[in-house]
All heavy atoms as atom14 arrays in JSON, in Angstrom:
{
  "sequence": "AIQIAEATKKGIDSDGGLWYEYDPEKKELIAEKH",
  "atom14_mask": [
    [1, 1, 1, 1, 1, 0, 0, 0, 0, 0, 0, 0, 0, 0],
    [1, 1, 1, 1, 1, 1, 1, 1, 0, 0, 0, 0, 0, 0],
    [1, 1, 1, 1, 1, 1, 1, 1, 1, 0, 0, 0, 0, 0],
    [1, 1, 1, 1, 1, 1, 1, 1, 0, 0, 0, 0, 0, 0],
    [1, 1, 1, 1, 1, 0, 0, 0, 0, 0, 0, 0, 0, 0],
    [1, 1, 1, 1, 1, 1, 1, 1, 1, 0, 0, 0, 0, 0],
    [1, 1, 1, 1, 1, 0, 0, 0, 0, 0, 0, 0, 0, 0],
    [1, 1, 1, 1, 1, 1, 1, 0, 0, 0, 0, 0, 0, 0],
    [1, 1, 1, 1, 1, 1, 1, 1, 1, 0, 0, 0, 0, 0],
    [1, 1, 1, 1, 1, 1, 1, 1, 1, 0, 0, 0, 0, 0],
    [1, 1, 1, 1, 0, 0, 0, 0, 0, 0, 0, 0, 0, 0],
    [1, 1, 1, 1, 1, 1, 1, 1, 0, 0, 0, 0, 0, 0],
    [1, 1, 1, 1, 1, 1, 1, 1, 0, 0, 0, 0, 0, 0],
    [1, 1, 1, 1, 1, 1, 0, 0, 0, 0, 0, 0, 0, 0],
    [1, 1, 1, 1, 1, 1, 1, 1, 0, 0, 0, 0, 0, 0],
    [1, 1, 1, 1, 0, 0, 0, 0, 0, 0, 0, 0, 0, 0],
    [1, 1, 1, 1, 0, 0, 0, 0, 0, 0, 0, 0, 0, 0],
    [1, 1, 1, 1, 1, 1, 1, 1, 0, 0, 0, 0, 0, 0],
    [1, 1, 1, 1, 1, 1, 1, 1, 1, 1, 1, 1, 1, 1],
    [1, 1, 1, 1, 1, 1, 1, 1, 1, 1, 1, 1, 0, 0],
    [1, 1, 1, 1, 1, 1, 1, 1, 1, 0, 0, 0, 0, 0],
    [1, 1, 1, 1, 1, 1, 1, 1, 1, 1, 1, 1, 0, 0],
    [1, 1, 1, 1, 1, 1, 1, 1, 0, 0, 0, 0, 0, 0],
    [1, 1, 1, 1, 1, 1, 1, 0, 0, 0, 0, 0, 0, 0],
    [1, 1, 1, 1, 1, 1, 1, 1, 1, 0, 0, 0, 0, 0],
    [1, 1, 1, 1, 1, 1, 1, 1, 1, 0, 0, 0, 0, 0],
    [1, 1, 1, 1, 1, 1, 1, 1, 1, 0, 0, 0, 0, 0],
    [1, 1, 1, 1, 1, 1, 1, 1, 1, 0, 0, 0, 0, 0],
    [1, 1, 1, 1, 1, 1, 1, 1, 0, 0, 0, 0, 0, 0],
    [1, 1, 1, 1, 1, 1, 1, 1, 0, 0, 0, 0, 0, 0],
    [1, 1, 1, 1, 1, 0, 0, 0, 0, 0, 0, 0, 0, 0],
    [1, 1, 1, 1, 1, 1, 1, 1, 1, 0, 0, 0, 0, 0],
    [1, 1, 1, 1, 1, 1, 1, 1, 1, 0, 0, 0, 0, 0],
    [1, 1, 1, 1, 1, 1, 1, 1, 1, 1, 0, 0, 0, 0]
  ],
  "atom14_positions": [
    [[90.63, 82.93, 121.4], [90.78, 81.53, 120.98], [89.82, 81.2, 119.84], [90.19, 80.51, 118.88], [90.51, 80.6, 122.17], [0.0, 0.0, 0.0], [0.0, 0.0, 0.0], [0.0, 0.0, 0.0], [0.0, 0.0, 0.0], [0.0, 0.0, 0.0], [0.0, 0.0, 0.0], [0.0, 0.0, 0.0], [0.0, 0.0, 0.0], [0.0, 0.0, 0.0]],
    [[88.6, 81.72, 119.93], [87.61, 81.45, 118.87], [87.96, 82.23, 117.61], [87.92, 81.68, 116.49], [86.19, 81.81, 119.37], [85.8, 80.9, 120.55], [85.17, 81.66, 118.25], [84.63, 81.41, 121.36], [0.0, 0.0, 0.0], [0.0, 0.0, 0.0], [0.0, 0.0, 0.0], [0.0, 0.0, 0.0], [0.0, 0.0, 0.0], [0.0, 0.0, 0.0]],
    [[88.32, 83.51, 117.77], [88.65, 84.32, 116.58], [89.86, 83.76, 115.85], [89.87, 83.67, 114.61], [88.91, 85.78, 116.96], [89.1, 86.66, 115.71], [89.65, 88.04, 116.0], [90.22, 88.3, 117.06], [89.49, 88.94, 115.03], [0.0, 0.0, 0.0], [0.0, 0.0, 0.0], [0.0, 0.0, 0.0], [0.0, 0.0, 0.0], [0.0, 0.0, 0.0]],
    [[90.89, 83.36, 116.59], [92.1, 82.82, 115.96], [91.79, 81.49, 115.27], [92.27, 81.23, 114.17], [93.25, 82.69, 116.98], [93.67, 84.07, 117.51], [94.45, 81.99, 116.34], [94.63, 84.02, 118.69], [0.0, 0.0, 0.0], [0.0, 0.0, 0.0], [0.0, 0.0, 0.0], [0.0, 0.0, 0.0], [0.0, 0.0, 0.0], [0.0, 0.0, 0.0]],
    [[90.99, 80.65, 115.92], [90.6, 79.38, 115.29], [89.86, 79.64, 113.98], [90.11, 78.96, 112.97], [89.74, 78.56, 116.25], [0.0, 0.0, 0.0], [0.0, 0.0, 0.0], [0.0, 0.0, 0.0], [0.0, 0.0, 0.0], [0.0, 0.0, 0.0], [0.0, 0.0, 0.0], [0.0, 0.0, 0.0], [0.0, 0.0, 0.0], [0.0, 0.0, 0.0]],
    [[88.97, 80.6, 114.0], [88.24, 80.97, 112.77], [89.21, 81.4, 111.67], [89.09, 80.98, 110.52], [87.25, 82.11, 113.06], [85.9, 81.67, 113.51], [85.16, 80.86, 112.45], [85.07, 81.3, 111.29], [84.69, 79.76, 112.78], [0.0, 0.0, 0.0], [0.0, 0.0, 0.0], [0.0, 0.0, 0.0], [0.0, 0.0, 0.0], [0.0, 0.0, 0.0]],
    [[90.19, 82.24, 112.03], [91.16, 82.73, 111.04], [92.04, 81.59, 110.53], [92.41, 81.57, 109.35], [92.02, 83.83, 111.66], [0.0, 0.0, 0.0], [0.0, 0.0, 0.0], [0.0, 0.0, 0.0], [0.0, 0.0, 0.0], [0.0, 0.0, 0.0], [0.0, 0.0, 0.0], [0.0, 0.0, 0.0], [0.0, 0.0, 0.0], [0.0, 0.0, 0.0]],
    [[92.35, 80.64, 111.4], [93.22, 79.52, 111.01], [92.51, 78.57, 110.04], [93.17, 77.86, 109.28], [93.69, 78.75, 112.27], [94.29, 79.66, 113.19], [94.73, 77.68, 111.91], [0.0, 0.0, 0.0], [0.0, 0.0, 0.0], [0.0, 0.0, 0.0], [0.0, 0.0, 0.0], [0.0, 0.0, 0.0], [0.0, 0.0, 0.0], [0.0, 0.0, 0.0]],
    [[91.19, 78.57, 110.04], [90.44, 77.72, 109.11], [90.86, 77.95, 107.66], [90.82, 77.04, 106.84], [88.94, 77.97, 109.26], [88.3, 77.18, 110.38], [86.91, 77.65, 110.78], [85.97, 77.92, 109.65], [84.63, 78.31, 110.13], [0.0, 0.0, 0.0], [0.0, 0.0, 0.0], [0.0, 0.0, 0.0], [0.0, 0.0, 0.0], [0.0, 0.0, 0.0]],
    [[91.32, 79.19, 107.38], [91.77, 79.49, 106.0], [92.97, 78.66, 105.6], [93.25, 78.46, 104.42], [92.14, 80.98, 105.89], [90.98, 81.93, 106.13], [91.51, 83.37, 106.22], [90.51, 84.28, 106.95], [91.16, 85.45, 107.54], [0.0, 0.0, 0.0], [0.0, 0.0, 0.0], [0.0, 0.0, 0.0], [0.0, 0.0, 0.0], [0.0, 0.0, 0.0]],
    [[93.71, 78.18, 106.6], [94.9, 77.38, 106.32], [94.65, 75.89, 106.24], [95.58, 75.11, 106.0], [0.0, 0.0, 0.0], [0.0, 0.0, 0.0], [0.0, 0.0, 0.0], [0.0, 0.0, 0.0], [0.0, 0.0, 0.0], [0.0, 0.0, 0.0], [0.0, 0.0, 0.0], [0.0, 0.0, 0.0], [0.0, 0.0, 0.0], [0.0, 0.0, 0.0]],
    [[93.39, 75.48, 106.42], [93.06, 74.04, 106.36], [92.79, 73.66, 104.91], [91.95, 74.25, 104.23], [91.81, 73.72, 107.2], [92.04, 74.13, 108.65], [91.44, 72.25, 107.07], [92.58, 73.09, 109.56], [0.0, 0.0, 0.0], [0.0, 0.0, 0.0], [0.0, 0.0, 0.0], [0.0, 0.0, 0.0], [0.0, 0.0, 0.0], [0.0, 0.0, 0.0]],
    [[93.49, 72.67, 104.43], [93.3, 72.16, 103.07], [92.09, 71.22, 103.02], [91.6, 70.77, 104.06], [94.57, 71.42, 102.63], [94.62, 71.14, 101.13], [93.78, 71.69, 100.39], [95.49, 70.35, 100.72], [0.0, 0.0, 0.0], [0.0, 0.0, 0.0], [0.0, 0.0, 0.0], [0.0, 0.0, 0.0], [0.0, 0.0, 0.0], [0.0, 0.0, 0.0]],
    [[91.64, 70.92, 101.84], [90.47, 70.04, 101.67], [90.71, 68.64, 102.24], [89.76, 67.92, 102.56], [90.08, 69.95, 100.2], [91.18, 69.47, 99.44], [0.0, 0.0, 0.0], [0.0, 0.0, 0.0], [0.0, 0.0, 0.0], [0.0, 0.0, 0.0], [0.0, 0.0, 0.0], [0.0, 0.0, 0.0], [0.0, 0.0, 0.0], [0.0, 0.0, 0.0]],
    [[91.98, 68.25, 102.38], [92.29, 66.92, 102.93], [92.34, 66.9, 104.46], [92.6, 65.87, 105.07], [93.62, 66.4, 102.35], [94.81, 67.28, 102.7], [94.66, 68.21, 103.52], [95.89, 67.07, 102.13], [0.0, 0.0, 0.0], [0.0, 0.0, 0.0], [0.0, 0.0, 0.0], [0.0, 0.0, 0.0], [0.0, 0.0, 0.0], [0.0, 0.0, 0.0]],
    [[92.12, 68.06, 105.09], [92.15, 68.15, 106.55], [93.48, 68.58, 107.12], [93.58, 68.87, 108.31], [0.0, 0.0, 0.0], [0.0, 0.0, 0.0], [0.0, 0.0, 0.0], [0.0, 0.0, 0.0], [0.0, 0.0, 0.0], [0.0, 0.0, 0.0], [0.0, 0.0, 0.0], [0.0, 0.0, 0.0], [0.0, 0.0, 0.0], [0.0, 0.0, 0.0]],
    [[94.53, 68.63, 106.29], [95.84, 69.05, 106.76], [95.93, 70.57, 106.87], [95.26, 71.3, 106.13], [0.0, 0.0, 0.0], [0.0, 0.0, 0.0], [0.0, 0.0, 0.0], [0.0, 0.0, 0.0], [0.0, 0.0, 0.0], [0.0, 0.0, 0.0], [0.0, 0.0, 0.0], [0.0, 0.0, 0.0], [0.0, 0.0, 0.0], [0.0, 0.0, 0.0]],
    [[96.76, 71.05, 107.79], [96.97, 72.48, 107.97], [98.25, 72.89, 107.25], [99.32, 72.35, 107.53], [97.06, 72.82, 109.46], [97.24, 74.3, 109.83], [96.05, 75.13, 109.36], [97.43, 74.46, 111.34], [0.0, 0.0, 0.0], [0.0, 0.0, 0.0], [0.0, 0.0, 0.0], [0.0, 0.0, 0.0], [0.0, 0.0, 0.0], [0.0, 0.0, 0.0]],
    [[98.12, 73.84, 106.33], [99.3, 74.36, 105.63], [100.24, 75.05, 106.61], [99.82, 75.5, 107.69], [98.89, 75.33, 104.53], [98.16, 74.72, 103.38], [96.85, 74.9, 103.04], [98.69, 73.82, 102.4], [96.53, 74.18, 101.92], [97.64, 73.5, 101.49], [99.95, 73.24, 102.19], [97.82, 72.64, 100.42], [100.13, 72.4, 101.12], [99.08, 72.09, 100.24]],
    [[101.5, 75.18, 106.2], [102.54, 75.71, 107.08], [102.42, 77.22, 107.28], [102.16, 77.7, 108.38], [103.91, 75.32, 106.51], [105.09, 75.72, 107.36], [105.11, 75.5, 108.73], [106.22, 76.31, 106.78], [106.19, 75.85, 109.5], [107.31, 76.66, 107.54], [107.3, 76.44, 108.91], [108.38, 76.79, 109.66], [0.0, 0.0, 0.0], [0.0, 0.0, 0.0]],
    [[102.59, 77.97, 106.2], [102.59, 79.44, 106.29], [102.01, 80.06, 105.02], [101.95, 79.41, 103.98], [104.04, 79.97, 106.47], [104.67, 79.62, 107.8], [106.13, 80.05, 107.91], [106.76, 80.35, 106.87], [106.64, 80.07, 109.04], [0.0, 0.0, 0.0], [0.0, 0.0, 0.0], [0.0, 0.0, 0.0], [0.0, 0.0, 0.0], [0.0, 0.0, 0.0]],
    [[101.64, 81.34, 105.16], [101.18, 82.1, 104.0], [101.89, 83.45, 104.02], [101.98, 84.1, 105.07], [99.66, 82.31, 104.07], [99.12, 83.14, 102.92], [98.97, 82.58, 101.65], [98.77, 84.48, 103.11], [98.48, 83.34, 100.59], [98.28, 85.24, 102.06], [98.12, 84.67, 100.81], [97.65, 85.42, 99.75], [0.0, 0.0, 0.0], [0.0, 0.0, 0.0]],
    [[102.42, 83.85, 102.87], [103.11, 85.14, 102.74], [102.14, 86.15, 102.13], [101.86, 86.1, 100.93], [104.35, 84.99, 101.85], [105.22, 86.24, 101.84], [104.66, 87.34, 102.01], [106.44, 86.11, 101.66], [0.0, 0.0, 0.0], [0.0, 0.0, 0.0], [0.0, 0.0, 0.0], [0.0, 0.0, 0.0], [0.0, 0.0, 0.0], [0.0, 0.0, 0.0]],
    [[101.57, 87.06, 102.94], [100.57, 87.99, 102.42], [101.14, 88.97, 101.4], [100.44, 89.4, 100.48], [100.09, 88.74, 103.66], [100.76, 88.17, 104.83], [101.85, 87.26, 104.35], [0.0, 0.0, 0.0], [0.0, 0.0, 0.0], [0.0, 0.0, 0.0], [0.0, 0.0, 0.0], [0.0, 0.0, 0.0], [0.0, 0.0, 0.0], [0.0, 0.0, 0.0]],
    [[102.43, 89.32, 101.57], [103.03, 90.28, 100.64], [103.16, 89.68, 99.24], [102.81, 90.31, 98.24], [104.42, 90.71, 101.17], [104.97, 91.94, 100.46], [106.3, 92.39, 101.04], [106.42, 92.45, 102.28], [107.2, 92.67, 100.24], [0.0, 0.0, 0.0], [0.0, 0.0, 0.0], [0.0, 0.0, 0.0], [0.0, 0.0, 0.0], [0.0, 0.0, 0.0]],
    [[103.62, 88.45, 99.18], [103.77, 87.77, 97.87], [102.49, 87.06, 97.45], [102.42, 86.51, 96.35], [104.91, 86.74, 97.96], [106.28, 87.34, 98.2], [107.32, 86.22, 98.27], [108.7, 86.77, 98.59], [109.66, 85.66, 98.82], [0.0, 0.0, 0.0], [0.0, 0.0, 0.0], [0.0, 0.0, 0.0], [0.0, 0.0, 0.0], [0.0, 0.0, 0.0]],
    [[101.49, 87.04, 98.38], [100.26, 86.26, 98.15], [100.61, 84.82, 97.76], [100.12, 84.27, 96.77], [99.4, 86.91, 97.06], [98.87, 88.28, 97.44], [97.81, 88.74, 96.47], [97.04, 89.91, 97.04], [97.5, 91.22, 96.67], [0.0, 0.0, 0.0], [0.0, 0.0, 0.0], [0.0, 0.0, 0.0], [0.0, 0.0, 0.0], [0.0, 0.0, 0.0]],
    [[101.47, 84.25, 98.59], [102.05, 82.94, 98.26], [101.93, 82.0, 99.46], [102.3, 82.35, 100.58], [103.52, 83.15, 97.9], [104.22, 81.93, 97.36], [105.65, 82.29, 96.94], [105.8, 82.88, 95.86], [106.59, 82.01, 97.71], [0.0, 0.0, 0.0], [0.0, 0.0, 0.0], [0.0, 0.0, 0.0], [0.0, 0.0, 0.0], [0.0, 0.0, 0.0]],
    [[101.41, 80.81, 99.19], [101.3, 79.78, 100.22], [102.61, 78.99, 100.29], [103.16, 78.62, 99.26], [100.15, 78.83, 99.87], [99.8, 77.75, 100.89], [99.14, 78.35, 102.12], [98.88, 76.72, 100.25], [0.0, 0.0, 0.0], [0.0, 0.0, 0.0], [0.0, 0.0, 0.0], [0.0, 0.0, 0.0], [0.0, 0.0, 0.0], [0.0, 0.0, 0.0]],
    [[103.12, 78.8, 101.51], [104.26, 77.89, 101.68], [103.62, 76.5, 101.76], [103.11, 76.09, 102.81], [105.1, 78.23, 102.92], [105.87, 79.54, 102.7], [106.12, 77.14, 103.19], [105.11, 80.79, 102.92], [0.0, 0.0, 0.0], [0.0, 0.0, 0.0], [0.0, 0.0, 0.0], [0.0, 0.0, 0.0], [0.0, 0.0, 0.0], [0.0, 0.0, 0.0]],
    [[103.63, 75.81, 100.61], [102.79, 74.62, 100.42], [103.42, 73.37, 101.03], [103.79, 72.42, 100.33], [102.49, 74.43, 98.94], [0.0, 0.0, 0.0], [0.0, 0.0, 0.0], [0.0, 0.0, 0.0], [0.0, 0.0, 0.0], [0.0, 0.0, 0.0], [0.0, 0.0, 0.0], [0.0, 0.0, 0.0], [0.0, 0.0, 0.0], [0.0, 0.0, 0.0]],
    [[103.56, 73.4, 102.33], [104.07, 72.26, 103.09], [103.14, 72.05, 104.28], [102.53, 73.0, 104.78], [105.49, 72.53, 103.59], [106.49, 72.83, 102.5], [107.81, 73.37, 103.01], [107.94, 73.62, 104.24], [108.72, 73.58, 102.18], [0.0, 0.0, 0.0], [0.0, 0.0, 0.0], [0.0, 0.0, 0.0], [0.0, 0.0, 0.0], [0.0, 0.0, 0.0]],
    [[103.06, 70.81, 104.72], [102.27, 70.5, 105.92], [103.19, 69.81, 106.92], [103.46, 68.62, 106.79], [101.07, 69.61, 105.55], [100.05, 70.34, 104.68], [99.06, 69.39, 104.04], [98.16, 70.14, 103.07], [97.44, 69.23, 102.17], [0.0, 0.0, 0.0], [0.0, 0.0, 0.0], [0.0, 0.0, 0.0], [0.0, 0.0, 0.0], [0.0, 0.0, 0.0]],
    [[103.72, 70.61, 107.85], [104.65, 70.09, 108.84], [103.89, 69.37, 109.95], [102.7, 69.62, 110.17], [105.48, 71.22, 109.44], [106.38, 71.88, 108.45], [107.46, 72.66, 108.82], [106.4, 71.88, 107.09], [108.08, 73.11, 107.75], [107.45, 72.66, 106.69], [0.0, 0.0, 0.0], [0.0, 0.0, 0.0], [0.0, 0.0, 0.0], [0.0, 0.0, 0.0]]
  ]
}
């Protein structure tokens, strides 16, 4: 739970919203906040 929360921090935007998904192969953020 702690390790996953730490990893998820990378998906938090400066406004506090959590981005939807990240494509590691394309190095591309799916820039939506559902």
